[in-house]
Amino acid sequence: MLNSVSFFYFTDAERMDGMELKEKILETTIKVFNKKGVKLTMDDIANELSMSKKTIYTVFKDKEEMCFC
């Protein structure tokens, strides 16, 4: 009988602590803002980070909070 081994895949967001994740999101928001200006969307930020919007919303209530923190 073979032993089964579980493999866990952790995303970058899951490996970061709260402050690291917040800083990464804010850095990326600035980067996307410099490209798109005020027309940036949460989708743009999530795509640039390769993470879901849901993950971003666990850190920030909305785009306004993220932009004015």
C-alpha atoms as a PDB file:
ATOM      1  CA  MET A   1       0.000   0.000   0.000  1.00  0.00           C
ATOM      2  CA  LEU A   2       1.333   3.423  -0.932  1.00  0.00           C
ATOM      3  CA  ASN A   3       1.422   6.205   1.584  1.00  0.00           C
ATOM      4  CA  SER A   4      -0.493   9.219   0.458  1.00  0.00           C
ATOM      5  CA  VAL A   5       1.258  12.536   0.765  1.00  0.00           C
ATOM      6  CA  SER A   6      -0.628  15.787   0.842  1.00  0.00           C
ATOM      7  CA  PHE A   7       0.821  18.701  -1.009  1.00  0.00           C
ATOM      8  CA  PHE A   8      -0.175  22.187  -0.081  1.00  0.00           C
ATOM      9  CA  TYR A   9       0.094  25.078  -2.456  1.00  0.00           C
ATOM     10  CA  PHE A  10       0.284  28.449  -0.785  1.00  0.00           C
ATOM     11  CA  THR A  11      -0.090  31.641  -2.745  1.00  0.00           C
ATOM     12  CA  ASP A  12       2.161  34.610  -2.031  1.00  0.00           C
ATOM     13  CA  ALA A  13      -0.733  36.254  -0.205  1.00  0.00           C
ATOM     14  CA  GLU A  14      -1.100  33.262   2.125  1.00  0.00           C
ATOM     15  CA  ARG A  15       2.602  33.319   2.988  1.00  0.00           C
ATOM     16  CA  MET A  16       2.665  37.021   3.885  1.00  0.00           C
ATOM     17  CA  ASP A  17       1.698  38.444   7.224  1.00  0.00           C
ATOM     18  CA  GLY A  18      -0.926  41.192   7.332  1.00  0.00           C
ATOM     19  CA  MET A  19       1.485  44.119   7.071  1.00  0.00           C
ATOM     20  CA  GLU A  20       3.477  42.560   4.222  1.00  0.00           C
ATOM     21  CA  LEU A  21       0.292  41.895   2.280  1.00  0.00           C
ATOM     22  CA  LYS A  22      -0.986  45.427   2.878  1.00  0.00           C
ATOM     23  CA  GLU A  23       2.333  46.918   1.711  1.00  0.00           C
ATOM     24  CA  LYS A  24       2.396  44.725  -1.404  1.00  0.00           C
ATOM     25  CA  ILE A  25      -1.152  45.756  -2.311  1.00  0.00           C
ATOM     26  CA  LEU A  26      -0.374  49.438  -1.779  1.00  0.00           C
ATOM     27  CA  GLU A  27       2.847  49.256  -3.828  1.00  0.00           C
ATOM     28  CA  THR A  28       0.966  47.576  -6.648  1.00  0.00           C
ATOM     29  CA  THR A  29      -1.864  50.109  -6.439  1.00  0.00           C
ATOM     30  CA  ILE A  30       0.653  52.911  -6.977  1.00  0.00           C
ATOM     31  CA  LYS A  31       2.175  51.030  -9.907  1.00  0.00           C
ATOM     32  CA  VAL A  32      -1.239  50.487 -11.540  1.00  0.00           C
ATOM     33  CA  PHE A  33      -2.292  54.078 -10.798  1.00  0.00           C
ATOM     34  CA  ASN A  34       0.815  55.344 -12.595  1.00  0.00           C
ATOM     35  CA  LYS A  35      -0.212  53.293 -15.652  1.00  0.00           C
ATOM     36  CA  LYS A  36      -3.987  53.860 -15.672  1.00  0.00           C
ATOM     37  CA  GLY A  37      -4.631  56.933 -13.548  1.00  0.00           C
ATOM     38  CA  VAL A  38      -7.946  57.289 -11.762  1.00  0.00           C
ATOM     39  CA  LYS A  39      -9.538  54.730 -14.110  1.00  0.00           C
ATOM     40  CA  LEU A  40      -7.817  51.872 -12.257  1.00  0.00           C
ATOM     41  CA  THR A  41     -10.092  49.126 -11.013  1.00  0.00           C
ATOM     42  CA  MET A  42      -9.782  46.524  -8.304  1.00  0.00           C
ATOM     43  CA  ASP A  43      -9.585  43.976 -11.126  1.00  0.00           C
ATOM     44  CA  ASP A  44      -6.517  45.778 -12.500  1.00  0.00           C
ATOM     45  CA  ILE A  45      -4.830  45.617  -9.101  1.00  0.00           C
ATOM     46  CA  ALA A  46      -5.797  41.986  -8.512  1.00  0.00           C
ATOM     47  CA  ASN A  47      -4.541  40.974 -11.959  1.00  0.00           C
ATOM     48  CA  GLU A  48      -1.227  42.753 -11.416  1.00  0.00           C
ATOM     49  CA  LEU A  49      -0.847  40.958  -8.070  1.00  0.00           C
ATOM     50  CA  SER A  50      -2.047  37.604  -9.441  1.00  0.00           C
ATOM     51  CA  MET A  51      -4.514  37.329  -6.587  1.00  0.00           C
ATOM     52  CA  SER A  52      -8.245  37.545  -6.193  1.00  0.00           C
ATOM     53  CA  LYS A  53     -10.142  40.702  -5.385  1.00  0.00           C
ATOM     54  CA  LYS A  54     -11.499  38.812  -2.390  1.00  0.00           C
ATOM     55  CA  THR A  55      -7.993  38.692  -0.928  1.00  0.00           C
ATOM     56  CA  ILE A  56      -7.605  42.443  -1.396  1.00  0.00           C
ATOM     57  CA  TYR A  57     -10.981  43.045   0.246  1.00  0.00           C
ATOM     58  CA  THR A  58      -9.840  41.099   3.326  1.00  0.00           C
ATOM     59  CA  VAL A  59      -7.260  43.860   3.834  1.00  0.00           C
ATOM     60  CA  PHE A  60      -9.161  46.930   2.598  1.00  0.00           C
ATOM     61  CA  LYS A  61     -12.892  47.625   2.842  1.00  0.00           C
ATOM     62  CA  ASP A  62     -12.982  49.299  -0.577  1.00  0.00           C
ATOM     63  CA  LYS A  63     -10.891  51.129  -3.165  1.00  0.00           C
ATOM     64  CA  GLU A  64     -11.353  54.437  -1.389  1.00  0.00           C
ATOM     65  CA  GLU A  65      -9.905  53.074   1.863  1.00  0.00           C
ATOM     66  CA  MET A  66      -6.985  51.620  -0.055  1.00  0.00           C
ATOM     67  CA  CYS A  67      -6.226  54.855  -1.866  1.00  0.00           C
ATOM     68  CA  PHE A  68      -6.494  57.094   1.192  1.00  0.00           C
ATOM     69  CA  CYS A  69      -4.708  55.033   3.826  1.00  0.00           C
END
